[in-house]
Amino acid sequence: LDENDLKIDSPYNTYLCKGLPPGPICNPGLDSILAALEPEEEDYLYFVLGENGRHIFSKTYQEHLKNKK
């Protein structure tokens, strides 16, 4: 997003319009739906995207701060 995107006059622009948009804004894949229905039990509380494009998960805030660098 950039500043021009925030100014687009559209019912889907939630920066300008209050409430929910008139229709869906994304379509999750089947794997995402199945993962939400039966999530794995983990102790992770934080995540950040690493430089390699993969997520790095952490259990403590201190660990998360290290991963952000």
PDB file of N, CA and C in Angstrom:
ATOM      1  N   LEU A   1       0.828  -1.188   0.000  1.00  0.00           N
ATOM      2  CA  LEU A   1       0.000   0.000   0.000  1.00  0.00           C
ATOM      3  C   LEU A   1       0.866   1.242   0.000  1.00  0.00           C
ATOM      4  N   ASP A   2       0.381   2.252  -0.676  1.00  0.00           N
ATOM      5  CA  ASP A   2       1.010   3.567  -0.548  1.00  0.00           C
ATOM      6  C   ASP A   2      -0.098   4.605  -0.348  1.00  0.00           C
ATOM      7  N   GLU A   3       0.271   5.860  -0.237  1.00  0.00           N
ATOM      8  CA  GLU A   3      -0.727   6.902   0.071  1.00  0.00           C
ATOM      9  C   GLU A   3      -1.821   6.996  -0.982  1.00  0.00           C
ATOM     10  N   ASN A   4      -1.510   6.718  -2.239  1.00  0.00           N
ATOM     11  CA  ASN A   4      -2.530   6.778  -3.293  1.00  0.00           C
ATOM     12  C   ASN A   4      -3.605   5.710  -3.092  1.00  0.00           C
ATOM     13  N   ASP A   5      -3.205   4.525  -2.622  1.00  0.00           N
ATOM     14  CA  ASP A   5      -4.178   3.457  -2.374  1.00  0.00           C
ATOM     15  C   ASP A   5      -5.183   3.861  -1.298  1.00  0.00           C
ATOM     16  N   LEU A   6      -4.728   4.627  -0.332  1.00  0.00           N
ATOM     17  CA  LEU A   6      -5.600   5.029   0.772  1.00  0.00           C
ATOM     18  C   LEU A   6      -6.671   6.022   0.340  1.00  0.00           C
ATOM     19  N   LYS A   7      -6.508   6.617  -0.836  1.00  0.00           N
ATOM     20  CA  LYS A   7      -7.446   7.641  -1.322  1.00  0.00           C
ATOM     21  C   LYS A   7      -8.450   7.108  -2.340  1.00  0.00           C
ATOM     22  N   ILE A   8      -8.342   5.842  -2.727  1.00  0.00           N
ATOM     23  CA  ILE A   8      -9.232   5.271  -3.742  1.00  0.00           C
ATOM     24  C   ILE A   8     -10.668   5.265  -3.219  1.00  0.00           C
ATOM     25  N   ASP A   9     -11.581   5.838  -4.007  1.00  0.00           N
ATOM     26  CA  ASP A   9     -12.992   5.893  -3.632  1.00  0.00           C
ATOM     27  C   ASP A   9     -13.650   4.564  -3.998  1.00  0.00           C
ATOM     28  N   SER A  10     -13.741   3.678  -3.037  1.00  0.00           N
ATOM     29  CA  SER A  10     -14.300   2.348  -3.257  1.00  0.00           C
ATOM     30  C   SER A  10     -14.938   1.872  -1.955  1.00  0.00           C
ATOM     31  N   PRO A  11     -16.049   1.130  -2.035  1.00  0.00           N
ATOM     32  CA  PRO A  11     -16.653   0.600  -0.813  1.00  0.00           C
ATOM     33  C   PRO A  11     -15.744  -0.421  -0.117  1.00  0.00           C
ATOM     34  N   TYR A  12     -14.697  -0.871  -0.803  1.00  0.00           N
ATOM     35  CA  TYR A  12     -13.741  -1.811  -0.217  1.00  0.00           C
ATOM     36  C   TYR A  12     -12.577  -1.104   0.464  1.00  0.00           C
ATOM     37  N   ASN A  13     -12.506   0.213   0.356  1.00  0.00           N
ATOM     38  CA  ASN A  13     -11.441   0.974   1.006  1.00  0.00           C
ATOM     39  C   ASN A  13     -11.843   1.218   2.455  1.00  0.00           C
ATOM     40  N   THR A  14     -11.387   0.347   3.336  1.00  0.00           N
ATOM     41  CA  THR A  14     -11.774   0.450   4.744  1.00  0.00           C
ATOM     42  C   THR A  14     -11.054   1.581   5.468  1.00  0.00           C
ATOM     43  N   TYR A  15     -10.162   2.272   4.769  1.00  0.00           N
ATOM     44  CA  TYR A  15      -9.555   3.468   5.349  1.00  0.00           C
ATOM     45  C   TYR A  15     -10.514   4.652   5.240  1.00  0.00           C
ATOM     46  N   LEU A  16     -11.395   4.610   4.237  1.00  0.00           N
ATOM     47  CA  LEU A  16     -12.356   5.698   4.035  1.00  0.00           C
ATOM     48  C   LEU A  16     -13.765   5.336   4.494  1.00  0.00           C
ATOM     49  N   CYS A  17     -14.127   4.068   4.413  1.00  0.00           N
ATOM     50  CA  CYS A  17     -15.495   3.632   4.713  1.00  0.00           C
ATOM     51  C   CYS A  17     -15.554   2.920   6.061  1.00  0.00           C
ATOM     52  N   LYS A  18     -16.543   3.282   6.849  1.00  0.00           N
ATOM     53  CA  LYS A  18     -16.743   2.604   8.133  1.00  0.00           C
ATOM     54  C   LYS A  18     -17.417   1.256   7.906  1.00  0.00           C
ATOM     55  N   GLY A  19     -17.153   0.332   8.800  1.00  0.00           N
ATOM     56  CA  GLY A  19     -17.804  -0.971   8.741  1.00  0.00           C
ATOM     57  C   GLY A  19     -17.115  -1.925   7.782  1.00  0.00           C
ATOM     58  N   LEU A  20     -17.794  -3.037   7.542  1.00  0.00           N
ATOM     59  CA  LEU A  20     -17.249  -4.067   6.667  1.00  0.00           C
ATOM     60  C   LEU A  20     -17.531  -3.754   5.206  1.00  0.00           C
ATOM     61  N   PRO A  21     -16.678  -4.212   4.293  1.00  0.00           N
ATOM     62  CA  PRO A  21     -16.949  -4.028   2.869  1.00  0.00           C
ATOM     63  C   PRO A  21     -18.168  -4.855   2.448  1.00  0.00           C
ATOM     64  N   PRO A  22     -18.733  -4.568   1.277  1.00  0.00           N
ATOM     65  CA  PRO A  22     -19.967  -5.234   0.855  1.00  0.00           C
ATOM     66  C   PRO A  22     -19.807  -6.713   0.508  1.00  0.00           C
ATOM     67  N   GLY A  23     -18.602  -7.180   0.329  1.00  0.00           N
ATOM     68  CA  GLY A  23     -18.380  -8.581  -0.030  1.00  0.00           C
ATOM     69  C   GLY A  23     -17.032  -9.061   0.469  1.00  0.00           C
ATOM     70  N   PRO A  24     -16.684 -10.304   0.145  1.00  0.00           N
ATOM     71  CA  PRO A  24     -15.409 -10.862   0.596  1.00  0.00           C
ATOM     72  C   PRO A  24     -14.217 -10.062   0.071  1.00  0.00           C
ATOM     73  N   ILE A  25     -13.143 -10.035   0.866  1.00  0.00           N
ATOM     74  CA  ILE A  25     -11.940  -9.322   0.434  1.00  0.00           C
ATOM     75  C   ILE A  25     -10.788 -10.275   0.145  1.00  0.00           C
ATOM     76  N   CYS A  26     -10.972 -11.567   0.438  1.00  0.00           N
ATOM     77  CA  CYS A  26      -9.953 -12.541   0.071  1.00  0.00           C
ATOM     78  C   CYS A  26     -10.582 -13.927   0.035  1.00  0.00           C
ATOM     79  N   ASN A  27      -9.852 -14.850  -0.529  1.00  0.00           N
ATOM     80  CA  ASN A  27     -10.318 -16.222  -0.629  1.00  0.00           C
ATOM     81  C   ASN A  27      -9.187 -17.131  -0.157  1.00  0.00           C
ATOM     82  N   PRO A  28      -9.237 -17.595   1.097  1.00  0.00           N
ATOM     83  CA  PRO A  28      -8.150 -18.438   1.585  1.00  0.00           C
ATOM     84  C   PRO A  28      -8.126 -19.782   0.861  1.00  0.00           C
ATOM     85  N   GLY A  29      -6.960 -20.352   0.753  1.00  0.00           N
ATOM     86  CA  GLY A  29      -6.828 -21.662   0.135  1.00  0.00           C
ATOM     87  C   GLY A  29      -7.313 -22.766   1.062  1.00  0.00           C
ATOM     88  N   LEU A  30      -7.492 -23.942   0.512  1.00  0.00           N
ATOM     89  CA  LEU A  30      -7.993 -25.085   1.275  1.00  0.00           C
ATOM     90  C   LEU A  30      -7.081 -25.414   2.452  1.00  0.00           C
ATOM     91  N   ASP A  31      -5.757 -25.355   2.253  1.00  0.00           N
ATOM     92  CA  ASP A  31      -4.830 -25.652   3.350  1.00  0.00           C
ATOM     93  C   ASP A  31      -5.037 -24.700   4.523  1.00  0.00           C
ATOM     94  N   SER A  32      -5.299 -23.427   4.236  1.00  0.00           N
ATOM     95  CA  SER A  32      -5.531 -22.448   5.306  1.00  0.00           C
ATOM     96  C   SER A  32      -6.812 -22.756   6.069  1.00  0.00           C
ATOM     97  N   ILE A  33      -7.839 -23.129   5.351  1.00  0.00           N
ATOM     98  CA  ILE A  33      -9.114 -23.460   5.994  1.00  0.00           C
ATOM     99  C   ILE A  33      -8.961 -24.695   6.880  1.00  0.00           C
ATOM    100  N   LEU A  34      -8.296 -25.721   6.361  1.00  0.00           N
ATOM    101  CA  LEU A  34      -8.097 -26.943   7.144  1.00  0.00           C
ATOM    102  C   LEU A  34      -7.235 -26.680   8.377  1.00  0.00           C
ATOM    103  N   ALA A  35      -6.217 -25.848   8.243  1.00  0.00           N
ATOM    104  CA  ALA A  35      -5.360 -25.513   9.382  1.00  0.00           C
ATOM    105  C   ALA A  35      -6.141 -24.748  10.447  1.00  0.00           C
ATOM    106  N   ALA A  36      -7.064 -23.898  10.029  1.00  0.00           N
ATOM    107  CA  ALA A  36      -7.876 -23.150  10.994  1.00  0.00           C
ATOM    108  C   ALA A  36      -8.867 -24.069  11.716  1.00  0.00           C
ATOM    109  N   LEU A  37      -9.354 -25.083  11.023  1.00  0.00           N
ATOM    110  CA  LEU A  37     -10.302 -26.017  11.633  1.00  0.00           C
ATOM    111  C   LEU A  37      -9.631 -26.959  12.628  1.00  0.00           C
ATOM    112  N   GLU A  38      -8.386 -27.324  12.342  1.00  0.00           N
ATOM    113  CA  GLU A  38      -7.649 -28.233  13.223  1.00  0.00           C
ATOM    114  C   GLU A  38      -6.235 -27.704  13.437  1.00  0.00           C
ATOM    115  N   PRO A  39      -6.095 -26.622  14.201  1.00  0.00           N
ATOM    116  CA  PRO A  39      -4.767 -26.021  14.385  1.00  0.00           C
ATOM    117  C   PRO A  39      -3.851 -26.915  15.226  1.00  0.00           C
ATOM    118  N   GLU A  40      -2.562 -26.840  14.913  1.00  0.00           N
ATOM    119  CA  GLU A  40      -1.572 -27.537  15.734  1.00  0.00           C
ATOM    120  C   GLU A  40      -1.414 -26.780  17.044  1.00  0.00           C
ATOM    121  N   GLU A  41      -1.155 -27.503  18.117  1.00  0.00           N
ATOM    122  CA  GLU A  41      -0.938 -26.851  19.409  1.00  0.00           C
ATOM    123  C   GLU A  41       0.527 -26.465  19.518  1.00  0.00           C
ATOM    124  N   GLU A  42       0.778 -25.174  19.674  1.00  0.00           N
ATOM    125  CA  GLU A  42       2.135 -24.634  19.786  1.00  0.00           C
ATOM    126  C   GLU A  42       2.170 -23.613  20.911  1.00  0.00           C
ATOM    127  N   ASP A  43       3.366 -23.308  21.402  1.00  0.00           N
ATOM    128  CA  ASP A  43       3.554 -22.299  22.443  1.00  0.00           C
ATOM    129  C   ASP A  43       3.979 -20.949  21.874  1.00  0.00           C
ATOM    130  N   TYR A  44       4.009 -20.828  20.558  1.00  0.00           N
ATOM    131  CA  TYR A  44       4.481 -19.593  19.938  1.00  0.00           C
ATOM    132  C   TYR A  44       3.482 -18.457  20.136  1.00  0.00           C
ATOM    133  N   LEU A  45       3.996 -17.286  20.462  1.00  0.00           N
ATOM    134  CA  LEU A  45       3.163 -16.100  20.635  1.00  0.00           C
ATOM    135  C   LEU A  45       3.471 -15.024  19.598  1.00  0.00           C
ATOM    136  N   TYR A  46       4.648 -15.091  18.961  1.00  0.00           N
ATOM    137  CA  TYR A  46       5.096 -14.035  18.050  1.00  0.00           C
ATOM    138  C   TYR A  46       5.629 -14.651  16.762  1.00  0.00           C
ATOM    139  N   PHE A  47       5.553 -13.868  15.679  1.00  0.00           N
ATOM    140  CA  PHE A  47       6.210 -14.281  14.446  1.00  0.00           C
ATOM    141  C   PHE A  47       6.623 -13.053  13.662  1.00  0.00           C
ATOM    142  N   VAL A  48       7.633 -13.247  12.837  1.00  0.00           N
ATOM    143  CA  VAL A  48       8.136 -12.183  11.979  1.00  0.00           C
ATOM    144  C   VAL A  48       8.618 -12.843  10.691  1.00  0.00           C
ATOM    145  N   LEU A  49       8.592 -12.101   9.600  1.00  0.00           N
ATOM    146  CA  LEU A  49       9.067 -12.623   8.327  1.00  0.00           C
ATOM    147  C   LEU A  49      10.572 -12.435   8.245  1.00  0.00           C
ATOM    148  N   GLY A  50      11.296 -13.515   8.046  1.00  0.00           N
ATOM    149  CA  GLY A  50      12.748 -13.458   7.946  1.00  0.00           C
ATOM    150  C   GLY A  50      13.197 -12.956   6.584  1.00  0.00           C
ATOM    151  N   GLU A  51      14.472 -12.655   6.470  1.00  0.00           N
ATOM    152  CA  GLU A  51      15.030 -12.148   5.215  1.00  0.00           C
ATOM    153  C   GLU A  51      14.906 -13.153   4.083  1.00  0.00           C
ATOM    154  N   ASN A  52      14.834 -14.440   4.413  1.00  0.00           N
ATOM    155  CA  ASN A  52      14.714 -15.480   3.392  1.00  0.00           C
ATOM    156  C   ASN A  52      13.268 -15.702   2.953  1.00  0.00           C
ATOM    157  N   GLY A  53      12.340 -14.892   3.473  1.00  0.00           N
ATOM    158  CA  GLY A  53      10.934 -15.015   3.096  1.00  0.00           C
ATOM    159  C   GLY A  53      10.165 -16.047   3.903  1.00  0.00           C
ATOM    160  N   ARG A  54      10.804 -16.629   4.909  1.00  0.00           N
ATOM    161  CA  ARG A  54      10.140 -17.621   5.757  1.00  0.00           C
ATOM    162  C   ARG A  54       9.833 -17.013   7.120  1.00  0.00           C
ATOM    163  N   HIS A  55       8.786 -17.501   7.754  1.00  0.00           N
ATOM    164  CA  HIS A  55       8.412 -17.000   9.073  1.00  0.00           C
ATOM    165  C   HIS A  55       9.343 -17.548  10.147  1.00  0.00           C
ATOM    166  N   ILE A  56       9.614 -16.696  11.139  1.00  0.00           N
ATOM    167  CA  ILE A  56      10.383 -17.095  12.318  1.00  0.00           C
ATOM    168  C   ILE A  56       9.445 -16.939  13.513  1.00  0.00           C
ATOM    169  N   PHE A  57       9.204 -18.024  14.221  1.00  0.00           N
ATOM    170  CA  PHE A  57       8.292 -18.021  15.356  1.00  0.00           C
ATOM    171  C   PHE A  57       9.078 -17.971  16.659  1.00  0.00           C
ATOM    172  N   SER A  58       8.516 -17.326  17.675  1.00  0.00           N
ATOM    173  CA  SER A  58       9.178 -17.256  18.977  1.00  0.00           C
ATOM    174  C   SER A  58       8.145 -17.334  20.094  1.00  0.00           C
ATOM    175  N   LYS A  59       8.632 -17.797  21.243  1.00  0.00           N
ATOM    176  CA  LYS A  59       7.753 -18.002  22.394  1.00  0.00           C
ATOM    177  C   LYS A  59       7.773 -16.835  23.362  1.00  0.00           C
ATOM    178  N   THR A  60       8.844 -16.055  23.357  1.00  0.00           N
ATOM    179  CA  THR A  60       8.948 -14.925  24.281  1.00  0.00           C
ATOM    180  C   THR A  60       9.144 -13.632  23.502  1.00  0.00           C
ATOM    181  N   TYR A  61       8.813 -12.527  24.151  1.00  0.00           N
ATOM    182  CA  TYR A  61       8.986 -11.222  23.513  1.00  0.00           C
ATOM    183  C   TYR A  61      10.462 -10.919  23.273  1.00  0.00           C
ATOM    184  N   GLN A  62      11.316 -11.296  24.206  1.00  0.00           N
ATOM    185  CA  GLN A  62      12.756 -11.074  24.037  1.00  0.00           C
ATOM    186  C   GLN A  62      13.285 -11.833  22.818  1.00  0.00           C
ATOM    187  N   GLU A  63      12.850 -13.062  22.666  1.00  0.00           N
ATOM    188  CA  GLU A  63      13.245 -13.863  21.508  1.00  0.00           C
ATOM    189  C   GLU A  63      12.736 -13.210  20.223  1.00  0.00           C
ATOM    190  N   HIS A  64      11.523 -12.706  20.266  1.00  0.00           N
ATOM    191  CA  HIS A  64      10.932 -12.030  19.110  1.00  0.00           C
ATOM    192  C   HIS A  64      11.748 -10.797  18.717  1.00  0.00           C
ATOM    193  N   LEU A  65      12.157 -10.015  19.706  1.00  0.00           N
ATOM    194  CA  LEU A  65      12.957  -8.823  19.416  1.00  0.00           C
ATOM    195  C   LEU A  65      14.266  -9.194  18.733  1.00  0.00           C
ATOM    196  N   LYS A  66      14.889 -10.287  19.139  1.00  0.00           N
ATOM    197  CA  LYS A  66      16.124 -10.750  18.484  1.00  0.00           C
ATOM    198  C   LYS A  66      15.843 -11.150  17.042  1.00  0.00           C
ATOM    199  N   ASN A  67      14.713 -11.815  16.822  1.00  0.00           N
ATOM    200  CA  ASN A  67      14.364 -12.280  15.476  1.00  0.00           C
ATOM    201  C   ASN A  67      14.031 -11.135  14.530  1.00  0.00           C
ATOM    202  N   LYS A  68      13.599 -10.008  15.066  1.00  0.00           N
ATOM    203  CA  LYS A  68      13.244  -8.858  14.226  1.00  0.00           C
ATOM    204  C   LYS A  68      14.465  -8.207  13.592  1.00  0.00           C
ATOM    205  N   LYS A  69      15.647  -8.405  14.166  1.00  0.00           N
ATOM    206  CA  LYS A  69      16.858  -7.738  13.664  1.00  0.00           C
ATOM    207  C   LYS A  69      17.393  -8.394  12.427  1.00  0.00           C
TER     208      LYS A  69
END
